[in-house]
Protein backbone atom coordinates (compact mmCIF):
# COMPACT_ATOMS: atom_id res chain seq x y z
CA MET A 1 -70.52 18.24 -30.20
CA ASP A 2 -70.13 18.17 -26.95
CA ILE A 3 -67.19 18.15 -24.61
CA ARG A 4 -67.48 14.39 -24.00
CA GLN A 5 -66.84 13.44 -27.75
CA LEU A 6 -63.90 15.64 -27.46
CA GLU A 7 -63.06 13.61 -24.67
CA TYR A 8 -63.32 10.35 -26.57
CA PHE A 9 -61.51 11.95 -29.56
CA LEU A 10 -58.51 13.43 -27.46
CA ALA A 11 -58.29 9.69 -26.01
CA ILE A 12 -57.94 7.62 -29.39
CA VAL A 13 -54.83 10.16 -30.32
CA ASP A 14 -53.20 9.73 -27.05
CA ARG A 15 -54.17 6.30 -26.57
CA GLY A 16 -53.21 5.16 -30.23
CA GLY A 17 -56.74 3.60 -31.36
CA PHE A 18 -60.20 2.56 -30.47
CA ASN A 19 -59.59 -0.38 -28.70
CA ARG A 20 -56.71 1.13 -25.79
CA ALA A 21 -58.91 4.56 -25.47
CA ALA A 22 -62.08 2.41 -24.83
CA SER A 23 -60.13 0.52 -22.19
CA ALA A 24 -58.97 3.60 -20.69
CA LEU A 25 -62.51 5.02 -21.13
CA TYR A 26 -63.89 2.45 -19.62
CA VAL A 27 -66.43 2.25 -22.50
CA SER A 28 -67.72 -0.13 -25.23
CA GLN A 29 -65.86 0.22 -28.18
CA PRO A 30 -69.39 0.73 -30.01
CA SER A 31 -70.05 3.13 -28.12
CA LEU A 32 -66.97 5.37 -28.37
CA SER A 33 -67.27 4.27 -32.50
CA GLN A 34 -70.63 6.19 -32.60
CA ALA A 35 -69.53 8.91 -30.24
CA VAL A 36 -66.57 9.49 -32.73
CA ARG A 37 -68.92 9.39 -35.90
CA ALA A 38 -71.37 11.35 -34.57
CA LEU A 39 -68.37 14.26 -33.85
CA GLU A 40 -67.55 13.73 -37.77
CA ARG A 41 -71.09 14.44 -38.45
CA ASP A 42 -70.75 16.97 -36.82
CA LEU A 43 -67.69 18.57 -38.45
CA GLY A 44 -68.88 17.31 -41.64
CA SER A 45 -65.26 15.84 -42.09
CA ASP A 46 -63.48 12.32 -41.09
CA LEU A 47 -61.26 12.73 -38.36
CA PHE A 48 -59.37 9.26 -38.75
CA HIS A 49 -58.58 6.92 -41.69
CA ARG A 50 -60.00 3.43 -40.38
CA ILE A 51 -57.08 0.68 -41.38
CA GLY A 52 -58.20 -2.58 -39.84
CA ARG A 53 -57.25 -2.14 -36.47
CA ARG A 54 -55.67 1.02 -36.68
CA ALA A 55 -57.01 4.59 -36.43
CA VAL A 56 -54.28 6.91 -38.62
CA LEU A 57 -55.13 10.47 -38.40
CA THR A 58 -56.20 12.72 -41.28
CA ASP A 59 -55.44 16.35 -41.65
CA ALA A 60 -59.01 17.68 -40.50
CA GLY A 61 -58.11 15.39 -37.25
CA ARG A 62 -54.83 16.84 -36.47
CA ALA A 63 -55.78 20.25 -36.85
CA LEU A 64 -58.49 19.43 -34.37
CA ILE A 65 -56.06 17.98 -31.53
CA GLU A 66 -55.03 21.23 -30.32
CA PRO A 67 -58.47 23.20 -30.01
CA ALA A 68 -59.95 19.97 -28.78
CA ARG A 69 -57.47 20.32 -26.03
CA GLU A 70 -57.78 23.72 -25.10
CA ALA A 71 -62.19 23.15 -24.74
CA VAL A 72 -61.36 19.74 -22.72
CA ARG A 73 -58.60 22.24 -20.41
CA SER A 74 -61.02 25.17 -20.04
CA LEU A 75 -64.17 22.53 -18.83
CA GLU A 76 -61.43 20.91 -16.18
CA THR A 77 -60.36 24.91 -15.56
CA ALA A 78 -64.41 25.81 -14.92
CA ARG A 79 -64.21 22.29 -12.29
CA ALA A 80 -61.36 23.07 -10.53
CA SER A 81 -62.28 26.37 -9.96
CA VAL A 82 -65.73 25.23 -8.39
CA ALA A 83 -63.61 22.52 -6.02
CA ALA A 84 -61.01 25.99 -5.42
CA VAL A 85 -64.37 26.85 -2.88
CA HIS A 86 -63.83 24.06 -1.01
CA GLU A 87 -60.00 25.01 -0.78
CA LEU A 88 -58.71 22.10 -3.34
CA ARG A 89 -59.96 19.56 -1.34
CA GLU A 90 -60.30 17.77 -5.06
CA GLY A 91 -58.71 18.14 -8.54
CA ARG A 92 -56.13 17.24 -10.88
CA LEU A 93 -52.78 18.61 -11.79
CA ASP A 94 -51.05 17.73 -15.21
CA LEU A 95 -47.23 18.96 -15.92
CA ALA A 96 -44.36 17.96 -17.63
CA SER A 97 -40.72 17.45 -16.91
CA MET A 98 -38.05 16.91 -18.09
CA PRO A 99 -35.96 13.54 -16.77
CA SER A 100 -33.08 15.38 -14.35
CA GLN A 101 -35.52 17.93 -13.20
CA ALA A 102 -38.13 15.05 -12.01
CA VAL A 103 -35.29 13.86 -9.59
CA GLU A 104 -35.03 17.60 -8.22
CA PRO A 105 -36.66 19.78 -7.79
CA LEU A 106 -39.94 18.38 -8.76
CA THR A 107 -39.98 15.66 -5.88
CA SER A 108 -39.42 18.59 -3.54
CA LEU A 109 -42.17 20.45 -5.18
CA VAL A 110 -44.44 17.75 -5.20
CA SER A 111 -43.75 16.65 -1.71
CA ALA A 112 -44.84 19.99 -0.34
CA PHE A 113 -47.65 20.60 -2.57
CA SER A 114 -49.33 17.48 -1.71
CA ARG A 115 -48.45 17.72 2.20
CA ARG A 116 -50.63 21.38 1.47
CA TYR A 117 -53.16 19.86 -0.81
CA PRO A 118 -53.06 16.00 -0.59
CA GLY A 119 -56.72 15.58 -2.45
CA VAL A 120 -55.02 16.62 -5.48
CA SER A 121 -53.69 14.00 -7.51
CA VAL A 122 -50.56 14.90 -9.74
CA ALA A 123 -50.36 13.81 -12.82
CA ILE A 124 -46.05 13.77 -14.24
CA ASN A 125 -45.49 13.65 -18.14
CA ALA A 126 -42.33 12.91 -19.12
CA ALA A 127 -40.77 15.15 -21.95
CA PHE A 128 -37.27 14.82 -22.63
CA THR A 129 -36.02 18.23 -23.54
CA SER A 130 -37.16 21.70 -23.17
CA ARG A 131 -38.78 21.95 -26.53
CA ASP A 132 -40.75 19.38 -25.40
CA VAL A 133 -41.75 20.49 -22.76
CA ILE A 134 -42.82 24.13 -24.17
CA ASP A 135 -44.87 22.37 -26.52
CA MET A 136 -46.85 19.98 -23.79
CA VAL A 137 -47.74 23.20 -22.14
CA ARG A 138 -48.22 25.23 -25.22
CA THR A 139 -50.87 22.91 -26.83
CA GLY A 140 -52.90 22.70 -23.49
CA ALA A 141 -51.51 18.69 -23.32
CA VAL A 142 -50.75 19.76 -19.28
CA GLU A 143 -51.00 22.74 -17.40
CA LEU A 144 -47.31 23.37 -16.02
CA GLY A 145 -44.32 21.96 -17.03
CA LEU A 146 -40.14 22.11 -15.46
CA LEU A 147 -37.25 22.57 -17.84
CA ALA A 148 -33.77 23.07 -17.63
CA SER A 149 -31.88 25.80 -20.18
CA ALA A 150 -28.81 26.87 -20.96
CA GLY A 151 -30.48 31.21 -21.03
CA PRO A 152 -33.43 32.48 -19.92
CA LEU A 153 -36.75 31.56 -21.84
CA SER A 154 -38.51 33.11 -24.76
CA GLU A 155 -41.41 34.94 -22.98
CA LYS A 156 -43.84 34.72 -27.09
CA GLU A 157 -44.72 30.84 -26.07
CA VAL A 158 -45.05 30.56 -22.47
CA VAL A 159 -44.64 32.33 -18.97
CA SER A 160 -41.32 31.00 -17.22
CA TYR A 161 -41.10 31.36 -13.49
CA ALA A 162 -37.10 30.83 -12.47
CA LEU A 163 -36.65 28.17 -9.58
CA GLY A 164 -32.88 28.68 -9.78
CA ARG A 165 -29.76 27.00 -11.42
CA GLN A 166 -28.03 23.29 -11.05
CA ARG A 167 -24.53 23.23 -11.99
CA PHE A 168 -23.16 19.99 -14.22
CA VAL A 169 -21.01 17.30 -12.43
CA LEU A 170 -19.40 13.94 -13.67
CA VAL A 171 -20.87 10.51 -11.91
CA VAL A 172 -18.51 7.82 -11.59
CA SER A 173 -18.47 4.64 -10.16
CA ALA A 174 -16.57 3.59 -7.03
CA ASP A 175 -13.88 2.29 -8.92
CA GLY A 176 -14.18 4.42 -11.77
CA PRO A 177 -11.30 6.83 -12.48
CA PHE A 178 -10.41 10.08 -10.57
CA ALA A 179 -10.16 8.37 -7.06
CA GLY A 180 -10.45 10.53 -3.74
CA ARG A 181 -10.72 13.39 -5.98
CA THR A 182 -14.47 15.48 -5.33
CA ALA A 183 -13.81 17.54 -8.30
CA VAL A 184 -12.22 17.54 -12.00
CA GLU A 185 -11.71 19.86 -14.71
CA PHE A 186 -13.44 19.62 -18.09
CA ARG A 187 -9.77 19.07 -20.19
CA GLU A 188 -9.74 16.14 -18.12
CA LEU A 189 -12.56 14.37 -19.97
CA ALA A 190 -10.58 14.12 -23.24
CA GLY A 191 -10.26 9.88 -23.73
CA GLN A 192 -12.87 8.99 -21.38
CA ARG A 193 -15.77 6.67 -22.02
CA LEU A 194 -18.98 8.70 -21.46
CA ILE A 195 -22.74 7.88 -21.38
CA VAL A 196 -24.57 10.79 -22.86
CA GLY A 197 -28.42 11.41 -23.60
CA GLN A 198 -30.26 12.49 -26.77
CA SER A 199 -29.78 15.75 -28.98
CA GLY A 200 -31.87 18.69 -27.56
CA THR A 201 -30.66 18.17 -23.85
CA GLY A 202 -28.78 20.11 -21.56
CA MET A 203 -26.10 17.22 -21.07
CA ARG A 204 -25.61 16.01 -24.60
CA ALA A 205 -25.63 20.18 -25.46
CA TYR A 206 -22.20 20.28 -22.55
CA VAL A 207 -20.57 16.83 -24.05
CA ASP A 208 -21.48 18.24 -27.63
CA ALA A 209 -19.62 21.35 -26.23
CA LEU A 210 -16.48 19.79 -25.13
CA ARG A 211 -15.97 18.32 -28.60
CA GLU A 212 -15.80 21.90 -30.22
CA GLN A 213 -13.22 22.55 -27.83
CA GLY A 214 -11.23 20.10 -29.03
CA ILE A 215 -11.98 17.51 -26.14
CA GLU A 216 -12.05 14.22 -27.76
CA PHE A 217 -13.96 11.23 -25.93
CA ALA A 218 -15.65 8.02 -26.59
CA VAL A 219 -19.49 7.93 -26.58
CA ALA A 220 -20.12 4.34 -24.93
CA VAL A 221 -23.80 4.63 -25.01
CA GLU A 222 -26.24 7.33 -26.10
CA THR A 223 -30.18 6.76 -24.26
CA GLU A 224 -33.10 8.38 -24.13
CA HIS A 225 -33.66 6.57 -20.99
CA ARG A 226 -32.35 8.53 -18.35
CA VAL A 227 -33.37 5.53 -15.37
CA SER A 228 -30.34 3.63 -17.36
CA LEU A 229 -28.12 6.02 -16.35
CA MET A 230 -27.08 5.26 -13.00
CA PRO A 231 -26.87 1.18 -13.80
CA LEU A 232 -24.53 1.99 -16.98
CA VAL A 233 -22.43 4.07 -14.67
CA LEU A 234 -22.29 1.35 -11.76
CA ALA A 235 -21.96 -1.34 -13.90
CA GLY A 236 -18.53 0.76 -15.29
CA VAL A 237 -19.65 1.27 -18.88
CA GLY A 238 -19.16 4.77 -18.68
CA LEU A 239 -19.03 8.36 -16.95
CA ALA A 240 -22.18 10.41 -17.29
CA VAL A 241 -22.06 14.30 -16.81
CA VAL A 242 -25.87 15.38 -15.25
CA THR A 243 -26.82 18.30 -13.35
CA GLU A 244 -26.27 17.98 -9.61
CA SER A 245 -30.27 17.43 -9.10
CA TRP A 246 -28.59 13.28 -9.51
CA ARG A 247 -25.73 13.94 -6.59
CA ASP A 248 -28.09 12.48 -3.67
CA LEU A 249 -29.48 9.33 -5.33
CA ALA A 250 -25.75 9.06 -7.16
CA GLY A 251 -24.43 8.79 -3.55
CA ARG A 252 -27.44 6.54 -2.13
CA LEU A 253 -26.62 4.34 -4.90
CA GLY A 254 -22.56 3.74 -4.66
CA ALA A 255 -21.57 6.35 -7.59
CA ARG A 256 -19.25 9.11 -6.99
CA VAL A 257 -20.08 12.38 -7.85
CA LEU A 258 -17.61 14.94 -8.44
CA ASP A 259 -18.09 18.90 -9.71
CA ILE A 260 -17.07 19.69 -13.06
CA GLU A 261 -14.66 22.96 -13.01
CA PRO A 262 -15.13 25.69 -14.31
CA GLU A 263 -19.10 25.59 -12.45
CA THR A 264 -21.28 25.57 -15.85
CA THR A 265 -24.68 25.65 -14.87
CA LEU A 266 -28.64 25.43 -16.65
CA ASP A 267 -31.53 27.62 -15.90
CA ILE A 268 -34.51 25.67 -13.99
CA ALA A 269 -37.82 27.23 -14.84
CA LEU A 270 -41.37 26.37 -14.31
CA VAL A 271 -43.27 27.39 -17.46
CA ALA A 272 -47.10 27.61 -17.87
CA ARG A 273 -49.77 28.85 -20.83
CA ARG A 274 -50.36 32.55 -20.99
CA GLY A 275 -53.64 33.30 -19.76
CA SER A 276 -55.88 31.72 -16.18
CA LEU A 277 -54.88 28.97 -14.52
CA SER A 278 -56.88 26.08 -12.63
CA PRO A 279 -56.36 27.05 -9.16
CA ALA A 280 -54.54 23.77 -8.73
CA ALA A 281 -51.54 24.84 -11.19
CA ALA A 282 -51.92 28.54 -9.67
CA ALA A 283 -51.33 26.83 -6.32
CA PHE A 284 -48.66 25.17 -6.99
CA VAL A 285 -46.89 27.72 -9.19
CA THR A 286 -47.47 29.68 -5.95
CA ALA A 287 -45.85 27.47 -3.65
CA ALA A 288 -43.02 26.59 -6.38
CA THR A 289 -41.40 30.42 -6.52
CA SER A 290 -41.97 30.93 -2.98
CA ALA A 291 -39.79 27.50 -2.28
CA ALA A 292 -37.38 29.44 -4.87
CA ASP A 293 -37.40 33.18 -3.37
CA SER A 294 -36.88 31.36 0.68
């Protein structure tokens, strides 16, 4: 078994098949298949069921994913450690972020990091819930994760670094309700048409809590695609409860942003696996926590 075989295996898992993996790796499909066959012989078990052009993971294949990611990550950490001698002039940082936090504070954090370490490439992976972020960090799919939660995180699975808080706000179209207002009392959302996220997100938890308090509203749209929020609001489809990370962008697009009273917030945190981090990840954590303390 060698690290290249594990990288090929993970590429097939992540890309959903041999063809796409071969294209992403810039290798021929026969070479990829041969490498995986050699890995299966070494392990004494099939990793995929070959069904036509499809590759479906076997139980053994599923069991290999996490240790394979850990092995590949360890090698990348070793390579990055060597690059650190040259002051991070090259390297790669993989991180995951929930959509709202990908607007802010991630934009500011990556901007500051990239100015200081322009040779380090940052790959941002999408995660829709805090559970998604934690799982991606825990299993080694990424090194760092940015998330929002309604309270402190358990330190059993990941290490967390507090970056501050974001309050909930209401985004309304220019000609929508609450004209001339800068704030709205949460009970005034009764009877409104709301655009909501999927279960497991902070914005969904907030509106679900409204219903639990007897505040009835209509769900105009439920969306997993956070990029659709602003177009839907601007088109007058409904109102959206989001975190204040959206404030500047919404204002530039022509929407109105109102504070929701009383103030309710989410805790924003950067999370990492326990143990050593690559130099790039360690530098990012240092920069992020320093910015939060300033």
